[in-house]
Amino acid sequence: MSLASWALVMAHHQEPGNAKAGYVYLVMASFGTLALLLAFGLLAGPAGDYGFAAIRAAPHTPYVAALVLILMLLGAGSKAGLVPLHVWLPLAHPAAPSHVSALMSGVMTKVAIYGFIRVVFDLLGPPTWSASVIVLFLGSITAVMGILYAMMENDLKRLLAYSTIENVGIIFVSLGLALGFQANGMKLAAALAFTAALFHVLNHSFFKSLLFFGAGAVLTATGERDMDRLGGLIHRLPYTSFAVLAGCVAISALPPLAAQRRGGNRQRSRPILADGDVHPGRAVSAGRHPAGSGDRRAVADLARDPRWPDADPGRRGLAVDRADRREPQFL
């Protein structure tokens, strides 16, 4: 999986920066694979039996269990995007074709999460409170760092990559809570937290793939990933705009597309300035604007409502006079 995805990331290796992204991704994938091999070696023990039934039946000392947990966090965390092992995500997603980014974010990161769940919740035996605290702490840091980076990002695909990091952190927060509840004998609460994690795994795989496909459509139509140079695309790409809107509704936890409300993605009304005239298919230079979360910035750029006059086709874009901007529109 790692080698195949590396080849897909290097599909446009001739473009500047893509070779570095592929190299970083390959190094992180190799590191994660090594950690996973060591973890399964410890689980197999001196007998060397890698069957799941034998691993479940084998006694694991607290030292071995703690070491396996650390190795699984390093191995699965590097492939899923846990902080500080997330460095490959904001590099690989812009370098890879958009449909490959959708596969990597929607499916590949979930394979790593499945591996972590299978080992920690199934093969490692009864969880401990200390293990839940570690998972909960790393998940919280990952979620906070991911959304903070996403809010400051202007590149559309890098923004979605940081949003993936945030959502992976939220999933690990739910898994940490499930471990903690299970360690304290609170089976119902553990089942609820575990169900929330699995539901968000499924939910994120759908809406993040949709958003990456939307980003690919925007990139194909405009040749731009910089959101400060995009505006009024709802007129040029109406179907893409409404598809991205559906993805943003899902990522904002608005019913009926999501049932898990996340504090970092609460919807707020912010003014989005309509930046004057723009020729269809051209880029427009726009000022920075605040937003409640990274992914809603994308739909805000798609939903601006500038006028569409005839413009000189030879011009790259139409300069915007800030003094002549129209009144803010609230989304």
C-alpha atoms as a PDB file:
ATOM      1  CA  MET A   1       0.000   0.000   0.000  1.00  0.00           C
ATOM      2  CA  SER A   2       2.783   2.419   0.888  1.00  0.00           C
ATOM      3  CA  LEU A   3       4.767   1.771  -2.290  1.00  0.00           C
ATOM      4  CA  ALA A   4       1.685   1.992  -4.506  1.00  0.00           C
ATOM      5  CA  SER A   5       0.597   5.264  -2.906  1.00  0.00           C
ATOM      6  CA  TRP A   6       4.139   6.652  -3.202  1.00  0.00           C
ATOM      7  CA  ALA A   7       4.068   5.942  -6.931  1.00  0.00           C
ATOM      8  CA  LEU A   8       0.718   7.741  -7.182  1.00  0.00           C
ATOM      9  CA  VAL A   9       2.078  10.747  -5.249  1.00  0.00           C
ATOM     10  CA  MET A  10       5.001  10.888  -7.706  1.00  0.00           C
ATOM     11  CA  ALA A  11       2.689  10.888 -10.741  1.00  0.00           C
ATOM     12  CA  HIS A  12       3.598  14.554 -11.403  1.00  0.00           C
ATOM     13  CA  HIS A  13       7.190  14.282 -10.226  1.00  0.00           C
ATOM     14  CA  GLN A  14       8.420  16.821 -12.772  1.00  0.00           C
ATOM     15  CA  GLU A  15       6.617  19.652 -10.987  1.00  0.00           C
ATOM     16  CA  PRO A  16       8.644  21.621  -8.394  1.00  0.00           C
ATOM     17  CA  GLY A  17       8.356  20.292  -4.869  1.00  0.00           C
ATOM     18  CA  ASN A  18       6.665  17.017  -5.767  1.00  0.00           C
ATOM     19  CA  ALA A  19       9.868  14.982  -5.580  1.00  0.00           C
ATOM     20  CA  LYS A  20      10.455  16.236  -2.020  1.00  0.00           C
ATOM     21  CA  ALA A  21       6.871  15.357  -1.091  1.00  0.00           C
ATOM     22  CA  GLY A  22       7.340  11.825  -2.429  1.00  0.00           C
ATOM     23  CA  TYR A  23      10.619  11.418  -0.552  1.00  0.00           C
ATOM     24  CA  VAL A  24       9.135  12.578   2.759  1.00  0.00           C
ATOM     25  CA  TYR A  25       6.137  10.309   2.258  1.00  0.00           C
ATOM     26  CA  LEU A  26       8.325   7.294   1.518  1.00  0.00           C
ATOM     27  CA  VAL A  27      10.479   7.916   4.599  1.00  0.00           C
ATOM     28  CA  MET A  28       7.442   8.277   6.890  1.00  0.00           C
ATOM     29  CA  ALA A  29       5.754   5.213   5.371  1.00  0.00           C
ATOM     30  CA  SER A  30       8.911   3.132   5.870  1.00  0.00           C
ATOM     31  CA  PHE A  31       9.214   4.325   9.466  1.00  0.00           C
ATOM     32  CA  GLY A  32       5.591   3.403  10.150  1.00  0.00           C
ATOM     33  CA  THR A  33       6.009  -0.029   8.576  1.00  0.00           C
ATOM     34  CA  LEU A  34       9.074  -0.730  10.733  1.00  0.00           C
ATOM     35  CA  ALA A  35       7.171   0.234  13.893  1.00  0.00           C
ATOM     36  CA  LEU A  36       4.254  -2.024  12.935  1.00  0.00           C
ATOM     37  CA  LEU A  37       6.571  -4.971  12.268  1.00  0.00           C
ATOM     38  CA  LEU A  38       8.188  -4.534  15.683  1.00  0.00           C
ATOM     39  CA  ALA A  39       4.762  -4.331  17.329  1.00  0.00           C
ATOM     40  CA  PHE A  40       3.584  -7.585  15.728  1.00  0.00           C
ATOM     41  CA  GLY A  41       6.889  -9.228  16.614  1.00  0.00           C
ATOM     42  CA  LEU A  42       6.321  -8.398  20.290  1.00  0.00           C
ATOM     43  CA  LEU A  43       2.731  -9.649  20.068  1.00  0.00           C
ATOM     44  CA  ALA A  44       3.889 -12.964  18.559  1.00  0.00           C
ATOM     45  CA  GLY A  45       6.347 -13.463  21.417  1.00  0.00           C
ATOM     46  CA  PRO A  46       9.028 -16.179  21.631  1.00  0.00           C
ATOM     47  CA  ALA A  47       6.702 -18.721  20.003  1.00  0.00           C
ATOM     48  CA  GLY A  48       6.566 -16.666  16.816  1.00  0.00           C
ATOM     49  CA  ASP A  49       2.900 -17.486  16.208  1.00  0.00           C
ATOM     50  CA  TYR A  50       1.303 -14.576  14.287  1.00  0.00           C
ATOM     51  CA  GLY A  51      -2.210 -16.033  14.279  1.00  0.00           C
ATOM     52  CA  PHE A  52      -4.753 -13.745  15.882  1.00  0.00           C
ATOM     53  CA  ALA A  53      -6.131 -16.535  18.079  1.00  0.00           C
ATOM     54  CA  ALA A  54      -2.655 -17.320  19.425  1.00  0.00           C
ATOM     55  CA  ILE A  55      -1.913 -13.641  20.074  1.00  0.00           C
ATOM     56  CA  ARG A  56      -5.174 -13.231  22.011  1.00  0.00           C
ATOM     57  CA  ALA A  57      -4.453 -16.321  24.107  1.00  0.00           C
ATOM     58  CA  ALA A  58      -0.841 -15.379  24.868  1.00  0.00           C
ATOM     59  CA  PRO A  59      -0.231 -13.463  28.135  1.00  0.00           C
ATOM     60  CA  HIS A  60       1.250  -9.989  27.644  1.00  0.00           C
ATOM     61  CA  THR A  61       3.152  -8.367  30.467  1.00  0.00           C
ATOM     62  CA  PRO A  62       2.419  -4.683  31.222  1.00  0.00           C
ATOM     63  CA  TYR A  63       5.845  -3.779  29.826  1.00  0.00           C
ATOM     64  CA  VAL A  64       5.162  -5.553  26.514  1.00  0.00           C
ATOM     65  CA  ALA A  65       1.646  -4.087  26.315  1.00  0.00           C
ATOM     66  CA  ALA A  66       2.952  -0.549  26.831  1.00  0.00           C
ATOM     67  CA  LEU A  67       5.684  -1.041  24.240  1.00  0.00           C
ATOM     68  CA  VAL A  68       3.197  -2.434  21.708  1.00  0.00           C
ATOM     69  CA  LEU A  69       0.904   0.548  22.303  1.00  0.00           C
ATOM     70  CA  ILE A  70       3.767   2.986  21.670  1.00  0.00           C
ATOM     71  CA  LEU A  71       4.816   1.150  18.520  1.00  0.00           C
ATOM     72  CA  MET A  72       1.232   1.070  17.244  1.00  0.00           C
ATOM     73  CA  LEU A  73       0.876   4.797  17.866  1.00  0.00           C
ATOM     74  CA  LEU A  74       4.095   5.368  15.916  1.00  0.00           C
ATOM     75  CA  GLY A  75       3.234   2.963  13.104  1.00  0.00           C
ATOM     76  CA  ALA A  76      -0.472   3.586  12.651  1.00  0.00           C
ATOM     77  CA  GLY A  77      -0.113   7.224  13.693  1.00  0.00           C
ATOM     78  CA  SER A  78       2.450   7.954  10.988  1.00  0.00           C
ATOM     79  CA  LYS A  79       0.167   6.464   8.346  1.00  0.00           C
ATOM     80  CA  ALA A  80      -2.998   8.098   9.701  1.00  0.00           C
ATOM     81  CA  GLY A  81      -1.493  11.544  10.334  1.00  0.00           C
ATOM     82  CA  LEU A  82      -1.171  11.870  14.112  1.00  0.00           C
ATOM     83  CA  VAL A  83       0.852  14.878  15.291  1.00  0.00           C
ATOM     84  CA  PRO A  84       3.878  15.020  15.182  1.00  0.00           C
ATOM     85  CA  LEU A  85       3.985  12.288  12.518  1.00  0.00           C
ATOM     86  CA  HIS A  86       1.730  14.221  10.149  1.00  0.00           C
ATOM     87  CA  VAL A  87       4.445  15.982   8.134  1.00  0.00           C
ATOM     88  CA  TRP A  88       3.825  13.984   4.951  1.00  0.00           C
ATOM     89  CA  LEU A  89       0.114  14.834   4.661  1.00  0.00           C
ATOM     90  CA  PRO A  90       0.302  18.564   3.729  1.00  0.00           C
ATOM     91  CA  LEU A  91       3.110  17.738   1.283  1.00  0.00           C
ATOM     92  CA  ALA A  92       1.699  14.616  -0.380  1.00  0.00           C
ATOM     93  CA  HIS A  93      -1.881  15.798  -0.935  1.00  0.00           C
ATOM     94  CA  PRO A  94      -1.010  18.882  -3.033  1.00  0.00           C
ATOM     95  CA  ALA A  95       1.544  16.823  -4.984  1.00  0.00           C
ATOM     96  CA  ALA A  96      -0.792  13.919  -5.756  1.00  0.00           C
ATOM     97  CA  PRO A  97      -3.628  14.109  -8.300  1.00  0.00           C
ATOM     98  CA  SER A  98      -6.907  15.023  -6.635  1.00  0.00           C
ATOM     99  CA  HIS A  99      -8.502  11.596  -7.067  1.00  0.00           C
ATOM    100  CA  VAL A 100      -5.416  10.062  -5.458  1.00  0.00           C
ATOM    101  CA  SER A 101      -5.706  12.544  -2.573  1.00  0.00           C
ATOM    102  CA  ALA A 102      -9.321  11.452  -2.133  1.00  0.00           C
ATOM    103  CA  LEU A 103      -8.190   7.825  -1.923  1.00  0.00           C
ATOM    104  CA  MET A 104      -5.371   8.600   0.506  1.00  0.00           C
ATOM    105  CA  SER A 105      -7.500  10.709   2.834  1.00  0.00           C
ATOM    106  CA  GLY A 106     -10.741   8.761   2.595  1.00  0.00           C
ATOM    107  CA  VAL A 107      -9.397   5.200   2.602  1.00  0.00           C
ATOM    108  CA  MET A 108      -5.680   4.836   3.370  1.00  0.00           C
ATOM    109  CA  THR A 109      -5.702   6.762   6.636  1.00  0.00           C
ATOM    110  CA  LYS A 110      -8.676   4.640   7.727  1.00  0.00           C
ATOM    111  CA  VAL A 111      -6.701   1.447   7.105  1.00  0.00           C
ATOM    112  CA  ALA A 112      -4.163   2.661   9.672  1.00  0.00           C
ATOM    113  CA  ILE A 113      -6.952   3.458  12.133  1.00  0.00           C
ATOM    114  CA  TYR A 114      -8.414  -0.023  11.603  1.00  0.00           C
ATOM    115  CA  GLY A 115      -5.015  -1.583  12.334  1.00  0.00           C
ATOM    116  CA  PHE A 116      -4.742   0.416  15.563  1.00  0.00           C
ATOM    117  CA  ILE A 117      -8.261  -0.610  16.636  1.00  0.00           C
ATOM    118  CA  ARG A 118      -7.663  -4.276  15.815  1.00  0.00           C
ATOM    119  CA  VAL A 119      -4.486  -4.467  17.884  1.00  0.00           C
ATOM    120  CA  VAL A 120      -5.320  -2.238  20.854  1.00  0.00           C
ATOM    121  CA  PHE A 121      -8.972  -3.228  21.308  1.00  0.00           C
ATOM    122  CA  ASP A 122      -8.726  -6.885  20.264  1.00  0.00           C
ATOM    123  CA  LEU A 123      -5.267  -8.453  20.403  1.00  0.00           C
ATOM    124  CA  LEU A 124      -3.601  -6.582  23.255  1.00  0.00           C
ATOM    125  CA  GLY A 125      -6.001  -7.616  25.994  1.00  0.00           C
ATOM    126  CA  PRO A 126      -7.838  -5.482  28.563  1.00  0.00           C
ATOM    127  CA  PRO A 127      -6.885  -1.782  28.271  1.00  0.00           C
ATOM    128  CA  THR A 128      -5.402   0.324  31.049  1.00  0.00           C
ATOM    129  CA  TRP A 129      -6.267   3.850  32.139  1.00  0.00           C
ATOM    130  CA  SER A 130      -2.762   5.110  31.322  1.00  0.00           C
ATOM    131  CA  ALA A 131      -3.096   3.869  27.726  1.00  0.00           C
ATOM    132  CA  SER A 132      -6.354   5.770  27.292  1.00  0.00           C
ATOM    133  CA  VAL A 133      -4.764   8.980  28.566  1.00  0.00           C
ATOM    134  CA  ILE A 134      -1.935   8.718  26.038  1.00  0.00           C
ATOM    135  CA  VAL A 135      -4.307   8.116  23.120  1.00  0.00           C
ATOM    136  CA  LEU A 136      -6.662  10.866  24.292  1.00  0.00           C
ATOM    137  CA  PHE A 137      -3.819  13.370  24.656  1.00  0.00           C
ATOM    138  CA  LEU A 138      -2.324  12.657  21.225  1.00  0.00           C
ATOM    139  CA  GLY A 139      -5.759  12.805  19.611  1.00  0.00           C
ATOM    140  CA  SER A 140      -6.529  16.143  21.242  1.00  0.00           C
ATOM    141  CA  ILE A 141      -3.222  17.693  20.191  1.00  0.00           C
ATOM    142  CA  THR A 142      -3.710  16.391  16.646  1.00  0.00           C
ATOM    143  CA  ALA A 143      -7.244  17.791  16.378  1.00  0.00           C
ATOM    144  CA  VAL A 144      -6.264  21.233  17.701  1.00  0.00           C
ATOM    145  CA  MET A 145      -3.108  21.535  15.592  1.00  0.00           C
ATOM    146  CA  GLY A 146      -4.896  20.343  12.465  1.00  0.00           C
ATOM    147  CA  ILE A 147      -7.671  22.916  12.646  1.00  0.00           C
ATOM    148  CA  LEU A 148      -5.279  25.736  13.557  1.00  0.00           C
ATOM    149  CA  TYR A 149      -3.107  25.015  10.522  1.00  0.00           C
ATOM    150  CA  ALA A 150      -6.210  24.673   8.328  1.00  0.00           C
ATOM    151  CA  MET A 151      -7.527  28.098   9.381  1.00  0.00           C
ATOM    152  CA  MET A 152      -4.279  29.761   8.298  1.00  0.00           C
ATOM    153  CA  GLU A 153      -3.953  27.902   4.983  1.00  0.00           C
ATOM    154  CA  ASN A 154      -4.734  29.391   1.550  1.00  0.00           C
ATOM    155  CA  ASP A 155      -3.900  26.377  -0.620  1.00  0.00           C
ATOM    156  CA  LEU A 156      -7.129  24.439  -1.149  1.00  0.00           C
ATOM    157  CA  LYS A 157      -5.623  20.948  -1.114  1.00  0.00           C
ATOM    158  CA  ARG A 158      -3.269  21.674   1.789  1.00  0.00           C
ATOM    159  CA  LEU A 159      -6.278  22.983   3.705  1.00  0.00           C
ATOM    160  CA  LEU A 160      -8.103  19.702   3.139  1.00  0.00           C
ATOM    161  CA  ALA A 161      -4.974  17.802   4.195  1.00  0.00           C
ATOM    162  CA  TYR A 162      -4.844  19.667   7.509  1.00  0.00           C
ATOM    163  CA  SER A 163      -8.562  19.053   7.931  1.00  0.00           C
ATOM    164  CA  THR A 164      -7.851  15.335   7.550  1.00  0.00           C
ATOM    165  CA  ILE A 165      -5.318  15.628  10.374  1.00  0.00           C
ATOM    166  CA  GLU A 166      -7.951  17.313  12.535  1.00  0.00           C
ATOM    167  CA  ASN A 167     -10.540  14.611  11.885  1.00  0.00           C
ATOM    168  CA  VAL A 168      -8.037  11.829  12.543  1.00  0.00           C
ATOM    169  CA  GLY A 169      -7.360  13.511  15.884  1.00  0.00           C
ATOM    170  CA  ILE A 170     -11.086  13.548  16.666  1.00  0.00           C
ATOM    171  CA  ILE A 171     -11.303   9.830  15.874  1.00  0.00           C
ATOM    172  CA  PHE A 172      -8.411   9.085  18.236  1.00  0.00           C
ATOM    173  CA  VAL A 173     -10.043  11.208  20.936  1.00  0.00           C
ATOM    174  CA  SER A 174     -13.127   8.977  20.705  1.00  0.00           C
ATOM    175  CA  LEU A 175     -10.931   5.867  20.775  1.00  0.00           C
ATOM    176  CA  GLY A 176      -9.104   7.182  23.841  1.00  0.00           C
ATOM    177  CA  LEU A 177     -12.404   7.767  25.594  1.00  0.00           C
ATOM    178  CA  ALA A 178     -13.526   4.255  24.697  1.00  0.00           C
ATOM    179  CA  LEU A 179     -10.320   2.814  26.181  1.00  0.00           C
ATOM    180  CA  GLY A 180     -10.742   4.854  29.356  1.00  0.00           C
ATOM    181  CA  PHE A 181     -14.378   3.871  29.838  1.00  0.00           C
ATOM    182  CA  GLN A 182     -13.579   0.221  29.179  1.00  0.00           C
ATOM    183  CA  ALA A 183     -10.702   0.272  31.670  1.00  0.00           C
ATOM    184  CA  ASN A 184     -13.101   1.569  34.334  1.00  0.00           C
ATOM    185  CA  GLY A 185     -15.834  -0.965  33.576  1.00  0.00           C
ATOM    186  CA  MET A 186     -18.198   1.572  31.976  1.00  0.00           C
ATOM    187  CA  LYS A 187     -19.253  -0.677  29.103  1.00  0.00           C
ATOM    188  CA  LEU A 188     -22.157   1.415  27.827  1.00  0.00           C
ATOM    189  CA  ALA A 189     -20.093   4.624  27.688  1.00  0.00           C
ATOM    190  CA  ALA A 190     -17.228   2.714  26.047  1.00  0.00           C
ATOM    191  CA  ALA A 191     -19.610   1.326  23.410  1.00  0.00           C
ATOM    192  CA  LEU A 192     -20.983   4.810  22.687  1.00  0.00           C
ATOM    193  CA  ALA A 193     -17.492   6.332  22.310  1.00  0.00           C
ATOM    194  CA  PHE A 194     -16.348   3.450  20.118  1.00  0.00           C
ATOM    195  CA  THR A 195     -19.463   3.743  17.947  1.00  0.00           C
ATOM    196  CA  ALA A 196     -18.865   7.482  17.565  1.00  0.00           C
ATOM    197  CA  ALA A 197     -15.316   6.795  16.397  1.00  0.00           C
ATOM    198  CA  LEU A 198     -16.433   4.204  13.840  1.00  0.00           C
ATOM    199  CA  PHE A 199     -19.243   6.423  12.601  1.00  0.00           C
ATOM    200  CA  HIS A 200     -16.846   9.317  12.095  1.00  0.00           C
ATOM    201  CA  VAL A 201     -14.420   7.030  10.250  1.00  0.00           C
ATOM    202  CA  LEU A 202     -17.209   6.227   7.773  1.00  0.00           C
ATOM    203  CA  ASN A 203     -18.490   9.794   7.625  1.00  0.00           C
ATOM    204  CA  HIS A 204     -15.053  11.300   7.033  1.00  0.00           C
ATOM    205  CA  SER A 205     -14.205   8.820   4.302  1.00  0.00           C
ATOM    206  CA  PHE A 206     -17.256   9.965   2.328  1.00  0.00           C
ATOM    207  CA  PHE A 207     -17.210  13.743   2.743  1.00  0.00           C
ATOM    208  CA  LYS A 208     -13.439  14.200   2.537  1.00  0.00           C
ATOM    209  CA  SER A 209     -13.305  12.214  -0.687  1.00  0.00           C
ATOM    210  CA  LEU A 210     -16.114  14.417  -2.014  1.00  0.00           C
ATOM    211  CA  LEU A 211     -14.240  17.589  -1.051  1.00  0.00           C
ATOM    212  CA  PHE A 212     -11.018  16.409  -2.698  1.00  0.00           C
ATOM    213  CA  PHE A 213     -12.926  15.583  -5.883  1.00  0.00           C
ATOM    214  CA  GLY A 214     -14.408  19.081  -5.727  1.00  0.00           C
ATOM    215  CA  ALA A 215     -10.944  20.578  -5.263  1.00  0.00           C
ATOM    216  CA  GLY A 216      -9.782  18.629  -8.310  1.00  0.00           C
ATOM    217  CA  ALA A 217     -12.655  20.002 -10.388  1.00  0.00           C
ATOM    218  CA  VAL A 218     -11.798  23.555  -9.317  1.00  0.00           C
ATOM    219  CA  LEU A 219      -8.110  23.002 -10.093  1.00  0.00           C
ATOM    220  CA  THR A 220      -8.929  21.589 -13.521  1.00  0.00           C
ATOM    221  CA  ALA A 221     -11.270  24.478 -14.379  1.00  0.00           C
ATOM    222  CA  THR A 222      -9.151  27.359 -13.077  1.00  0.00           C
ATOM    223  CA  GLY A 223      -5.582  26.073 -12.722  1.00  0.00           C
ATOM    224  CA  GLU A 224      -5.518  27.598  -9.227  1.00  0.00           C
ATOM    225  CA  ARG A 225      -5.322  26.160  -5.709  1.00  0.00           C
ATOM    226  CA  ASP A 226      -4.878  29.510  -3.968  1.00  0.00           C
ATOM    227  CA  MET A 227      -8.241  30.407  -2.458  1.00  0.00           C
ATOM    228  CA  ASP A 228      -7.308  34.079  -2.348  1.00  0.00           C
ATOM    229  CA  ARG A 229      -7.382  33.992  -6.148  1.00  0.00           C
ATOM    230  CA  LEU A 230     -10.692  32.167  -6.511  1.00  0.00           C
ATOM    231  CA  GLY A 231     -14.163  33.654  -6.452  1.00  0.00           C
ATOM    232  CA  GLY A 232     -17.565  33.400  -8.091  1.00  0.00           C
ATOM    233  CA  LEU A 233     -17.099  29.769  -9.076  1.00  0.00           C
ATOM    234  CA  ILE A 234     -20.711  28.969  -8.285  1.00  0.00           C
ATOM    235  CA  HIS A 235     -21.567  30.530 -11.673  1.00  0.00           C
ATOM    236  CA  ARG A 236     -18.906  28.661 -13.625  1.00  0.00           C
ATOM    237  CA  LEU A 237     -19.122  25.357 -11.703  1.00  0.00           C
ATOM    238  CA  PRO A 238     -22.651  25.104 -10.259  1.00  0.00           C
ATOM    239  CA  TYR A 239     -22.699  21.327  -9.828  1.00  0.00           C
ATOM    240  CA  THR A 240     -19.247  21.280  -8.240  1.00  0.00           C
ATOM    241  CA  SER A 241     -20.248  24.130  -5.940  1.00  0.00           C
ATOM    242  CA  PHE A 242     -23.311  22.316  -4.630  1.00  0.00           C
ATOM    243  CA  ALA A 243     -21.329  19.077  -4.231  1.00  0.00           C
ATOM    244  CA  VAL A 244     -18.706  20.936  -2.180  1.00  0.00           C
ATOM    245  CA  LEU A 245     -21.507  22.572  -0.201  1.00  0.00           C
ATOM    246  CA  ALA A 246     -22.850  19.099   0.658  1.00  0.00           C
ATOM    247  CA  GLY A 247     -19.390  18.059   1.827  1.00  0.00           C
ATOM    248  CA  CYS A 248     -19.063  21.165   3.963  1.00  0.00           C
ATOM    249  CA  VAL A 249     -22.481  20.554   5.513  1.00  0.00           C
ATOM    250  CA  ALA A 250     -21.292  17.053   6.433  1.00  0.00           C
ATOM    251  CA  ILE A 251     -17.979  18.241   7.858  1.00  0.00           C
ATOM    252  CA  SER A 252     -19.805  20.901   9.879  1.00  0.00           C
ATOM    253  CA  ALA A 253     -21.876  18.140  11.544  1.00  0.00           C
ATOM    254  CA  LEU A 254     -25.160  19.578  10.293  1.00  0.00           C
ATOM    255  CA  PRO A 255     -28.087  17.123  10.062  1.00  0.00           C
ATOM    256  CA  PRO A 256     -28.904  14.936   8.280  1.00  0.00           C
ATOM    257  CA  LEU A 257     -25.350  14.380   6.966  1.00  0.00           C
ATOM    258  CA  ALA A 258     -23.627  13.995  10.351  1.00  0.00           C
ATOM    259  CA  ALA A 259     -24.634  13.153  13.885  1.00  0.00           C
ATOM    260  CA  GLN A 260     -21.401  14.031  15.659  1.00  0.00           C
ATOM    261  CA  ARG A 261     -20.955  17.677  16.655  1.00  0.00           C
ATOM    262  CA  ARG A 262     -17.400  18.875  16.927  1.00  0.00           C
ATOM    263  CA  GLY A 263     -16.406  21.970  18.826  1.00  0.00           C
ATOM    264  CA  GLY A 264     -13.763  23.023  16.313  1.00  0.00           C
ATOM    265  CA  ASN A 265     -16.257  23.097  13.461  1.00  0.00           C
ATOM    266  CA  ARG A 266     -19.185  25.034  14.891  1.00  0.00           C
ATOM    267  CA  GLN A 267     -20.816  27.144  12.241  1.00  0.00           C
ATOM    268  CA  ARG A 268     -20.504  30.895  12.628  1.00  0.00           C
ATOM    269  CA  SER A 269     -21.609  33.731  10.408  1.00  0.00           C
ATOM    270  CA  ARG A 270     -18.621  35.640   9.133  1.00  0.00           C
ATOM    271  CA  PRO A 271     -18.527  38.387   6.504  1.00  0.00           C
ATOM    272  CA  ILE A 272     -17.174  37.255   3.162  1.00  0.00           C
ATOM    273  CA  LEU A 273     -16.308  40.150   0.882  1.00  0.00           C
ATOM    274  CA  ALA A 274     -17.373  39.894  -2.742  1.00  0.00           C
ATOM    275  CA  ASP A 275     -14.300  41.105  -4.537  1.00  0.00           C
ATOM    276  CA  GLY A 276     -15.619  42.891  -7.592  1.00  0.00           C
ATOM    277  CA  ASP A 277     -15.702  41.695 -11.178  1.00  0.00           C
ATOM    278  CA  VAL A 278     -14.119  38.514 -12.463  1.00  0.00           C
ATOM    279  CA  HIS A 279     -14.057  36.968 -15.913  1.00  0.00           C
ATOM    280  CA  PRO A 280     -15.402  33.392 -16.133  1.00  0.00           C
ATOM    281  CA  GLY A 281     -12.605  30.855 -15.643  1.00  0.00           C
ATOM    282  CA  ARG A 282     -10.098  33.484 -14.580  1.00  0.00           C
ATOM    283  CA  ALA A 283      -8.529  34.017 -11.201  1.00  0.00           C
ATOM    284  CA  VAL A 284      -9.154  37.082  -9.096  1.00  0.00           C
ATOM    285  CA  SER A 285      -6.903  38.548  -6.482  1.00  0.00           C
ATOM    286  CA  ALA A 286      -8.651  38.738  -3.146  1.00  0.00           C
ATOM    287  CA  GLY A 287      -7.767  39.711   0.376  1.00  0.00           C
ATOM    288  CA  ARG A 288      -7.577  37.249   3.248  1.00  0.00           C
ATOM    289  CA  HIS A 289     -10.750  36.618   5.150  1.00  0.00           C
ATOM    290  CA  PRO A 290     -11.454  34.835   8.439  1.00  0.00           C
ATOM    291  CA  ALA A 291     -13.483  31.692   8.626  1.00  0.00           C
ATOM    292  CA  GLY A 292     -14.812  29.377  11.288  1.00  0.00           C
ATOM    293  CA  SER A 293     -12.869  26.367   9.975  1.00  0.00           C
ATOM    294  CA  GLY A 294     -10.696  25.453   7.034  1.00  0.00           C
ATOM    295  CA  ASP A 295     -13.184  23.570   4.877  1.00  0.00           C
ATOM    296  CA  ARG A 296     -15.875  26.269   5.104  1.00  0.00           C
ATOM    297  CA  ARG A 297     -13.386  28.717   3.556  1.00  0.00           C
ATOM    298  CA  ALA A 298     -13.498  26.611   0.397  1.00  0.00           C
ATOM    299  CA  VAL A 299     -17.262  26.800   0.060  1.00  0.00           C
ATOM    300  CA  ALA A 300     -17.193  30.510   0.931  1.00  0.00           C
ATOM    301  CA  ASP A 301     -14.915  31.136  -2.052  1.00  0.00           C
ATOM    302  CA  LEU A 302     -17.180  29.022  -4.253  1.00  0.00           C
ATOM    303  CA  ALA A 303     -20.296  30.862  -3.112  1.00  0.00           C
ATOM    304  CA  ARG A 304     -19.246  34.467  -3.716  1.00  0.00           C
ATOM    305  CA  ASP A 305     -21.531  36.361  -6.033  1.00  0.00           C
ATOM    306  CA  PRO A 306     -19.491  38.759  -8.212  1.00  0.00           C
ATOM    307  CA  ARG A 307     -20.749  40.202 -11.504  1.00  0.00           C
ATOM    308  CA  TRP A 308     -19.743  38.636 -14.807  1.00  0.00           C
ATOM    309  CA  PRO A 309     -19.041  41.342 -17.421  1.00  0.00           C
ATOM    310  CA  ASP A 310     -17.107  40.879 -20.598  1.00  0.00           C
ATOM    311  CA  ALA A 311     -13.410  41.180 -20.015  1.00  0.00           C
ATOM    312  CA  ASP A 312     -10.301  41.092 -22.131  1.00  0.00           C
ATOM    313  CA  PRO A 313      -9.520  37.358 -22.639  1.00  0.00           C
ATOM    314  CA  GLY A 314      -5.821  38.124 -22.735  1.00  0.00           C
ATOM    315  CA  ARG A 315      -5.737  39.379 -19.193  1.00  0.00           C
ATOM    316  CA  ARG A 316      -4.860  36.981 -16.386  1.00  0.00           C
ATOM    317  CA  GLY A 317      -7.411  38.532 -14.058  1.00  0.00           C
ATOM    318  CA  LEU A 318      -9.081  41.802 -13.258  1.00  0.00           C
ATOM    319  CA  ALA A 319      -7.520  43.856 -10.504  1.00  0.00           C
ATOM    320  CA  VAL A 320      -9.845  44.687  -7.668  1.00  0.00           C
ATOM    321  CA  ASP A 321     -10.028  48.160  -6.235  1.00  0.00           C
ATOM    322  CA  ARG A 322     -10.559  47.666  -2.531  1.00  0.00           C
ATOM    323  CA  ALA A 323     -12.306  51.028  -2.237  1.00  0.00           C
ATOM    324  CA  ASP A 324     -14.977  49.921  -4.733  1.00  0.00           C
ATOM    325  CA  ARG A 325     -15.855  46.627  -3.048  1.00  0.00           C
ATOM    326  CA  ARG A 326     -19.505  45.884  -2.481  1.00  0.00           C
ATOM    327  CA  GLU A 327     -21.038  45.399   0.962  1.00  0.00           C
ATOM    328  CA  PRO A 328     -20.110  42.212   2.839  1.00  0.00           C
ATOM    329  CA  GLN A 329     -22.274  39.163   2.265  1.00  0.00           C
ATOM    330  CA  PHE A 330     -22.955  36.889   5.203  1.00  0.00           C
ATOM    331  CA  LEU A 331     -22.947  33.145   4.522  1.00  0.00           C
END
